[in-house]
């Protein structure tokens, strides 16, 4: 099972994911953590301010992670 939590910035997505972890033991992956890991590790020249470019960079990776989790 994969649950995608979407929304604009500062709407509580991570808080909701954390509460679901605590209540139901559902693990979660924060895309912000993935983004910052890629930026800080030097795997991309993009910065946190490059929202449009980051979306294009991250979506193919996240899409395939979702497919993997769903065993597609």
PDB file of N, CA and C in Angstrom:
ATOM      1  N   UNK A   1       0.850  -1.172   0.000  1.00  0.00           N
ATOM      2  CA  UNK A   1       0.000   0.000   0.000  1.00  0.00           C
ATOM      3  C   UNK A   1       0.895   1.234   0.000  1.00  0.00           C
ATOM      4  N   UNK A   2       0.551   2.178  -0.815  1.00  0.00           N
ATOM      5  CA  UNK A   2       1.258   3.450  -0.873  1.00  0.00           C
ATOM      6  C   UNK A   2       0.234   4.560  -0.695  1.00  0.00           C
ATOM      7  N   UNK A   3       0.495   5.445   0.247  1.00  0.00           N
ATOM      8  CA  UNK A   3      -0.361   6.609   0.483  1.00  0.00           C
ATOM      9  C   UNK A   3       0.449   7.837   0.119  1.00  0.00           C
ATOM     10  N   UNK A   4      -0.073   8.619  -0.812  1.00  0.00           N
ATOM     11  CA  UNK A   4       0.601   9.856  -1.203  1.00  0.00           C
ATOM     12  C   UNK A   4      -0.108  11.018  -0.535  1.00  0.00           C
ATOM     13  N   UNK A   5       0.648  11.811   0.192  1.00  0.00           N
ATOM     14  CA  UNK A   5       0.109  13.001   0.853  1.00  0.00           C
ATOM     15  C   UNK A   5       0.630  14.206   0.092  1.00  0.00           C
ATOM     16  N   UNK A   6      -0.283  14.961  -0.485  1.00  0.00           N
ATOM     17  CA  UNK A   6       0.130  16.114  -1.279  1.00  0.00           C
ATOM     18  C   UNK A   6      -0.463  17.388  -0.712  1.00  0.00           C
ATOM     19  N   UNK A   7       0.099  18.498  -1.108  1.00  0.00           N
ATOM     20  CA  UNK A   7      -0.403  19.795  -0.690  1.00  0.00           C
ATOM     21  C   UNK A   7       0.667  20.843  -0.857  1.00  0.00           C
ATOM     22  N   UNK A   8       0.258  22.072  -0.722  1.00  0.00           N
ATOM     23  CA  UNK A   8       1.203  23.169  -0.860  1.00  0.00           C
ATOM     24  C   UNK A   8       2.113  23.252   0.360  1.00  0.00           C
ATOM     25  N   UNK A   9       3.073  24.115   0.265  1.00  0.00           N
ATOM     26  CA  UNK A   9       4.052  24.296   1.327  1.00  0.00           C
ATOM     27  C   UNK A   9       3.380  24.710   2.641  1.00  0.00           C
ATOM     28  N   UNK A  10       3.894  24.169   3.731  1.00  0.00           N
ATOM     29  CA  UNK A  10       3.466  24.525   5.093  1.00  0.00           C
ATOM     30  C   UNK A  10       1.998  24.186   5.384  1.00  0.00           C
ATOM     31  N   UNK A  11       1.518  23.055   4.834  1.00  0.00           N
ATOM     32  CA  UNK A  11       0.135  22.657   5.111  1.00  0.00           C
ATOM     33  C   UNK A  11       0.040  21.495   6.086  1.00  0.00           C
ATOM     34  N   UNK A  12       1.181  20.983   6.552  1.00  0.00           N
ATOM     35  CA  UNK A  12       1.159  19.917   7.551  1.00  0.00           C
ATOM     36  C   UNK A  12       1.313  18.515   6.999  1.00  0.00           C
ATOM     37  N   UNK A  13       1.869  18.360   5.819  1.00  0.00           N
ATOM     38  CA  UNK A  13       2.036  17.038   5.222  1.00  0.00           C
ATOM     39  C   UNK A  13       2.936  16.151   6.084  1.00  0.00           C
ATOM     40  N   UNK A  14       4.054  16.685   6.509  1.00  0.00           N
ATOM     41  CA  UNK A  14       4.984  15.902   7.315  1.00  0.00           C
ATOM     42  C   UNK A  14       4.386  15.593   8.680  1.00  0.00           C
ATOM     43  N   UNK A  15       3.662  16.538   9.256  1.00  0.00           N
ATOM     44  CA  UNK A  15       3.001  16.300  10.547  1.00  0.00           C
ATOM     45  C   UNK A  15       2.000  15.159  10.414  1.00  0.00           C
ATOM     46  N   UNK A  16       1.210  15.157   9.346  1.00  0.00           N
ATOM     47  CA  UNK A  16       0.245  14.088   9.117  1.00  0.00           C
ATOM     48  C   UNK A  16       0.954  12.749   8.955  1.00  0.00           C
ATOM     49  N   UNK A  17       2.016  12.731   8.162  1.00  0.00           N
ATOM     50  CA  UNK A  17       2.772  11.494   7.965  1.00  0.00           C
ATOM     51  C   UNK A  17       3.349  10.992   9.288  1.00  0.00           C
ATOM     52  N   UNK A  18       3.859  11.893  10.109  1.00  0.00           N
ATOM     53  CA  UNK A  18       4.405  11.501  11.408  1.00  0.00           C
ATOM     54  C   UNK A  18       3.316  10.933  12.313  1.00  0.00           C
ATOM     55  N   UNK A  19       2.144  11.531  12.295  1.00  0.00           N
ATOM     56  CA  UNK A  19       1.027  11.025  13.113  1.00  0.00           C
ATOM     57  C   UNK A  19       0.575   9.648  12.634  1.00  0.00           C
ATOM     58  N   UNK A  20       0.588   9.432  11.327  1.00  0.00           N
ATOM     59  CA  UNK A  20       0.229   8.115  10.793  1.00  0.00           C
ATOM     60  C   UNK A  20       1.269   7.067  11.185  1.00  0.00           C
ATOM     61  N   UNK A  21       2.524   7.468  11.241  1.00  0.00           N
ATOM     62  CA  UNK A  21       3.576   6.582  11.711  1.00  0.00           C
ATOM     63  C   UNK A  21       3.322   6.193  13.157  1.00  0.00           C
ATOM     64  N   UNK A  22       3.044   7.187  13.987  1.00  0.00           N
ATOM     65  CA  UNK A  22       2.836   6.932  15.415  1.00  0.00           C
ATOM     66  C   UNK A  22       1.584   6.096  15.682  1.00  0.00           C
ATOM     67  N   UNK A  23       0.501   6.367  14.960  1.00  0.00           N
ATOM     68  CA  UNK A  23      -0.762   5.682  15.220  1.00  0.00           C
ATOM     69  C   UNK A  23      -0.853   4.313  14.559  1.00  0.00           C
ATOM     70  N   UNK A  24      -0.413   4.222  13.293  1.00  0.00           N
ATOM     71  CA  UNK A  24      -0.596   2.996  12.528  1.00  0.00           C
ATOM     72  C   UNK A  24       0.694   2.272  12.172  1.00  0.00           C
ATOM     73  N   UNK A  25       1.834   2.833  12.581  1.00  0.00           N
ATOM     74  CA  UNK A  25       3.150   2.288  12.218  1.00  0.00           C
ATOM     75  C   UNK A  25       3.398   2.293  10.714  1.00  0.00           C
ATOM     76  N   UNK A  26       2.817   3.246   9.989  1.00  0.00           N
ATOM     77  CA  UNK A  26       3.067   3.398   8.555  1.00  0.00           C
ATOM     78  C   UNK A  26       4.368   4.189   8.392  1.00  0.00           C
ATOM     79  N   UNK A  27       5.382   3.592   7.800  1.00  0.00           N
ATOM     80  CA  UNK A  27       6.612   4.356   7.568  1.00  0.00           C
ATOM     81  C   UNK A  27       6.373   5.401   6.480  1.00  0.00           C
ATOM     82  N   UNK A  28       7.197   6.427   6.468  1.00  0.00           N
ATOM     83  CA  UNK A  28       7.060   7.452   5.434  1.00  0.00           C
ATOM     84  C   UNK A  28       8.414   7.941   4.972  1.00  0.00           C
ATOM     85  N   UNK A  29       8.416   8.487   3.772  1.00  0.00           N
ATOM     86  CA  UNK A  29       9.605   9.109   3.212  1.00  0.00           C
ATOM     87  C   UNK A  29       9.251  10.536   2.865  1.00  0.00           C
ATOM     88  N   UNK A  30       9.955  11.458   3.444  1.00  0.00           N
ATOM     89  CA  UNK A  30       9.752  12.862   3.134  1.00  0.00           C
ATOM     90  C   UNK A  30      10.531  13.219   1.878  1.00  0.00           C
ATOM     91  N   UNK A  31       9.827  13.727   0.880  1.00  0.00           N
ATOM     92  CA  UNK A  31      10.497  14.136  -0.347  1.00  0.00           C
ATOM     93  C   UNK A  31      11.473  15.282  -0.058  1.00  0.00           C
ATOM     94  N   UNK A  32      11.164  16.099   0.938  1.00  0.00           N
ATOM     95  CA  UNK A  32      12.098  17.166   1.325  1.00  0.00           C
ATOM     96  C   UNK A  32      13.424  16.583   1.800  1.00  0.00           C
ATOM     97  N   UNK A  33      13.378  15.479   2.530  1.00  0.00           N
ATOM     98  CA  UNK A  33      14.616  14.847   2.986  1.00  0.00           C
ATOM     99  C   UNK A  33      15.391  14.272   1.806  1.00  0.00           C
ATOM    100  N   UNK A  34      14.676  13.658   0.875  1.00  0.00           N
ATOM    101  CA  UNK A  34      15.328  13.152  -0.331  1.00  0.00           C
ATOM    102  C   UNK A  34      15.967  14.305  -1.100  1.00  0.00           C
ATOM    103  N   UNK A  35      15.222  15.386  -1.273  1.00  0.00           N
ATOM    104  CA  UNK A  35      15.714  16.566  -1.988  1.00  0.00           C
ATOM    105  C   UNK A  35      16.992  17.090  -1.344  1.00  0.00           C
ATOM    106  N   UNK A  36      16.975  17.271  -0.049  1.00  0.00           N
ATOM    107  CA  UNK A  36      18.140  17.839   0.628  1.00  0.00           C
ATOM    108  C   UNK A  36      19.308  16.861   0.626  1.00  0.00           C
ATOM    109  N   UNK A  37      19.033  15.565   0.674  1.00  0.00           N
ATOM    110  CA  UNK A  37      20.108  14.581   0.580  1.00  0.00           C
ATOM    111  C   UNK A  37      20.817  14.655  -0.754  1.00  0.00           C
ATOM    112  N   UNK A  38      20.031  14.796  -1.828  1.00  0.00           N
ATOM    113  CA  UNK A  38      20.629  14.908  -3.157  1.00  0.00           C
ATOM    114  C   UNK A  38      21.410  16.208  -3.308  1.00  0.00           C
ATOM    115  N   UNK A  39      20.880  17.285  -2.763  1.00  0.00           N
ATOM    116  CA  UNK A  39      21.566  18.583  -2.854  1.00  0.00           C
ATOM    117  C   UNK A  39      22.847  18.573  -2.030  1.00  0.00           C
ATOM    118  N   UNK A  40      22.759  18.159  -0.781  1.00  0.00           N
ATOM    119  CA  UNK A  40      23.939  18.198   0.106  1.00  0.00           C
ATOM    120  C   UNK A  40      25.025  17.208  -0.290  1.00  0.00           C
ATOM    121  N   UNK A  41      24.627  16.111  -0.944  1.00  0.00           N
ATOM    122  CA  UNK A  41      25.621  15.116  -1.348  1.00  0.00           C
ATOM    123  C   UNK A  41      26.338  15.517  -2.630  1.00  0.00           C
ATOM    124  N   UNK A  42      25.866  16.583  -3.271  1.00  0.00           N
ATOM    125  CA  UNK A  42      26.493  17.035  -4.498  1.00  0.00           C
ATOM    126  C   UNK A  42      26.013  16.297  -5.737  1.00  0.00           C
ATOM    127  N   UNK A  43      24.922  15.525  -5.618  1.00  0.00           N
ATOM    128  CA  UNK A  43      24.389  14.798  -6.768  1.00  0.00           C
ATOM    129  C   UNK A  43      23.625  15.698  -7.734  1.00  0.00           C
ATOM    130  N   UNK A  44      23.428  16.939  -7.372  1.00  0.00           N
ATOM    131  CA  UNK A  44      22.792  17.911  -8.254  1.00  0.00           C
ATOM    132  C   UNK A  44      23.346  19.287  -7.952  1.00  0.00           C
ATOM    133  N   UNK A  45      23.344  20.121  -8.952  1.00  0.00           N
ATOM    134  CA  UNK A  45      23.772  21.514  -8.787  1.00  0.00           C
ATOM    135  C   UNK A  45      22.614  22.397  -8.323  1.00  0.00           C
ATOM    136  N   UNK A  46      21.399  21.836  -8.275  1.00  0.00           N
ATOM    137  CA  UNK A  46      20.222  22.601  -7.887  1.00  0.00           C
ATOM    138  C   UNK A  46      20.290  22.998  -6.419  1.00  0.00           C
ATOM    139  N   UNK A  47      19.547  24.046  -6.077  1.00  0.00           N
ATOM    140  CA  UNK A  47      19.479  24.514  -4.694  1.00  0.00           C
ATOM    141  C   UNK A  47      18.030  24.403  -4.212  1.00  0.00           C
ATOM    142  N   UNK A  48      17.784  24.521  -2.906  1.00  0.00           N
ATOM    143  CA  UNK A  48      16.410  24.455  -2.409  1.00  0.00           C
ATOM    144  C   UNK A  48      15.486  25.511  -3.022  1.00  0.00           C
ATOM    145  N   UNK A  49      16.032  26.580  -3.548  1.00  0.00           N
ATOM    146  CA  UNK A  49      15.220  27.636  -4.142  1.00  0.00           C
ATOM    147  C   UNK A  49      14.788  27.326  -5.578  1.00  0.00           C
ATOM    148  N   UNK A  50      15.357  26.288  -6.171  1.00  0.00           N
ATOM    149  CA  UNK A  50      15.062  25.931  -7.563  1.00  0.00           C
ATOM    150  C   UNK A  50      13.840  25.006  -7.648  1.00  0.00           C
ATOM    151  N   UNK A  51      12.699  25.468  -7.140  1.00  0.00           N
ATOM    152  CA  UNK A  51      11.506  24.622  -7.030  1.00  0.00           C
ATOM    153  C   UNK A  51      11.097  23.974  -8.349  1.00  0.00           C
ATOM    154  N   UNK A  52      10.949  24.751  -9.401  1.00  0.00           N
ATOM    155  CA  UNK A  52      10.497  24.210 -10.692  1.00  0.00           C
ATOM    156  C   UNK A  52      11.457  23.131 -11.203  1.00  0.00           C
ATOM    157  N   UNK A  53      12.730  23.436 -11.160  1.00  0.00           N
ATOM    158  CA  UNK A  53      13.726  22.487 -11.660  1.00  0.00           C
ATOM    159  C   UNK A  53      13.814  21.254 -10.768  1.00  0.00           C
ATOM    160  N   UNK A  54      13.665  21.448  -9.458  1.00  0.00           N
ATOM    161  CA  UNK A  54      13.700  20.316  -8.540  1.00  0.00           C
ATOM    162  C   UNK A  54      12.548  19.357  -8.790  1.00  0.00           C
ATOM    163  N   UNK A  55      11.379  19.894  -9.096  1.00  0.00           N
ATOM    164  CA  UNK A  55      10.233  19.036  -9.390  1.00  0.00           C
ATOM    165  C   UNK A  55      10.542  18.142 -10.592  1.00  0.00           C
ATOM    166  N   UNK A  56      11.058  18.731 -11.638  1.00  0.00           N
ATOM    167  CA  UNK A  56      11.421  17.955 -12.823  1.00  0.00           C
ATOM    168  C   UNK A  56      12.514  16.946 -12.562  1.00  0.00           C
ATOM    169  N   UNK A  57      13.425  17.282 -11.672  1.00  0.00           N
ATOM    170  CA  UNK A  57      14.537  16.397 -11.330  1.00  0.00           C
ATOM    171  C   UNK A  57      14.078  15.243 -10.434  1.00  0.00           C
ATOM    172  N   UNK A  58      13.250  15.565  -9.447  1.00  0.00           N
ATOM    173  CA  UNK A  58      12.850  14.568  -8.460  1.00  0.00           C
ATOM    174  C   UNK A  58      11.713  13.656  -8.914  1.00  0.00           C
ATOM    175  N   UNK A  59      10.770  14.175  -9.699  1.00  0.00           N
ATOM    176  CA  UNK A  59       9.583  13.379 -10.008  1.00  0.00           C
ATOM    177  C   UNK A  59       9.903  12.029 -10.658  1.00  0.00           C
ATOM    178  N   UNK A  60      10.801  11.933 -11.646  1.00  0.00           N
ATOM    179  CA  UNK A  60      11.096  10.611 -12.206  1.00  0.00           C
ATOM    180  C   UNK A  60      11.633   9.634 -11.160  1.00  0.00           C
ATOM    181  N   UNK A  61      12.408  10.123 -10.219  1.00  0.00           N
ATOM    182  CA  UNK A  61      12.949   9.277  -9.156  1.00  0.00           C
ATOM    183  C   UNK A  61      11.823   8.824  -8.233  1.00  0.00           C
ATOM    184  N   UNK A  62      11.011   9.767  -7.776  1.00  0.00           N
ATOM    185  CA  UNK A  62       9.921   9.450  -6.849  1.00  0.00           C
ATOM    186  C   UNK A  62       8.903   8.536  -7.520  1.00  0.00           C
ATOM    187  N   UNK A  63       8.583   8.799  -8.782  1.00  0.00           N
ATOM    188  CA  UNK A  63       7.626   7.960  -9.515  1.00  0.00           C
ATOM    189  C   UNK A  63       8.086   6.505  -9.530  1.00  0.00           C
ATOM    190  N   UNK A  64       9.364   6.279  -9.788  1.00  0.00           N
ATOM    191  CA  UNK A  64       9.876   4.913  -9.836  1.00  0.00           C
ATOM    192  C   UNK A  64       9.956   4.289  -8.442  1.00  0.00           C
ATOM    193  N   UNK A  65      10.178   5.103  -7.426  1.00  0.00           N
ATOM    194  CA  UNK A  65      10.151   4.575  -6.046  1.00  0.00           C
ATOM    195  C   UNK A  65       8.741   4.103  -5.698  1.00  0.00           C
ATOM    196  N   UNK A  66       7.738   4.870  -6.113  1.00  0.00           N
ATOM    197  CA  UNK A  66       6.345   4.486  -5.866  1.00  0.00           C
ATOM    198  C   UNK A  66       6.035   3.174  -6.583  1.00  0.00           C
ATOM    199  N   UNK A  67       6.443   3.061  -7.844  1.00  0.00           N
ATOM    200  CA  UNK A  67       6.214   1.832  -8.591  1.00  0.00           C
ATOM    201  C   UNK A  67       6.883   0.634  -7.909  1.00  0.00           C
ATOM    202  N   UNK A  68       8.092   0.839  -7.419  1.00  0.00           N
ATOM    203  CA  UNK A  68       8.801  -0.222  -6.728  1.00  0.00           C
ATOM    204  C   UNK A  68       8.058  -0.658  -5.474  1.00  0.00           C
ATOM    205  N   UNK A  69       7.579   0.318  -4.702  1.00  0.00           N
ATOM    206  CA  UNK A  69       6.852   0.006  -3.473  1.00  0.00           C
ATOM    207  C   UNK A  69       5.541  -0.721  -3.769  1.00  0.00           C
ATOM    208  N   UNK A  70       4.959  -0.444  -4.945  1.00  0.00           N
ATOM    209  CA  UNK A  70       3.712  -1.093  -5.329  1.00  0.00           C
ATOM    210  C   UNK A  70       3.955  -2.398  -6.091  1.00  0.00           C
ATOM    211  N   UNK A  71       5.218  -2.751  -6.285  1.00  0.00           N
ATOM    212  CA  UNK A  71       5.609  -3.957  -7.018  1.00  0.00           C
ATOM    213  C   UNK A  71       5.086  -3.972  -8.443  1.00  0.00           C
ATOM    214  N   UNK A  72       5.150  -2.819  -9.109  1.00  0.00           N
ATOM    215  CA  UNK A  72       4.723  -2.734 -10.507  1.00  0.00           C
ATOM    216  C   UNK A  72       5.902  -3.030 -11.403  1.00  0.00           C
TER     217      UNK A  72
END
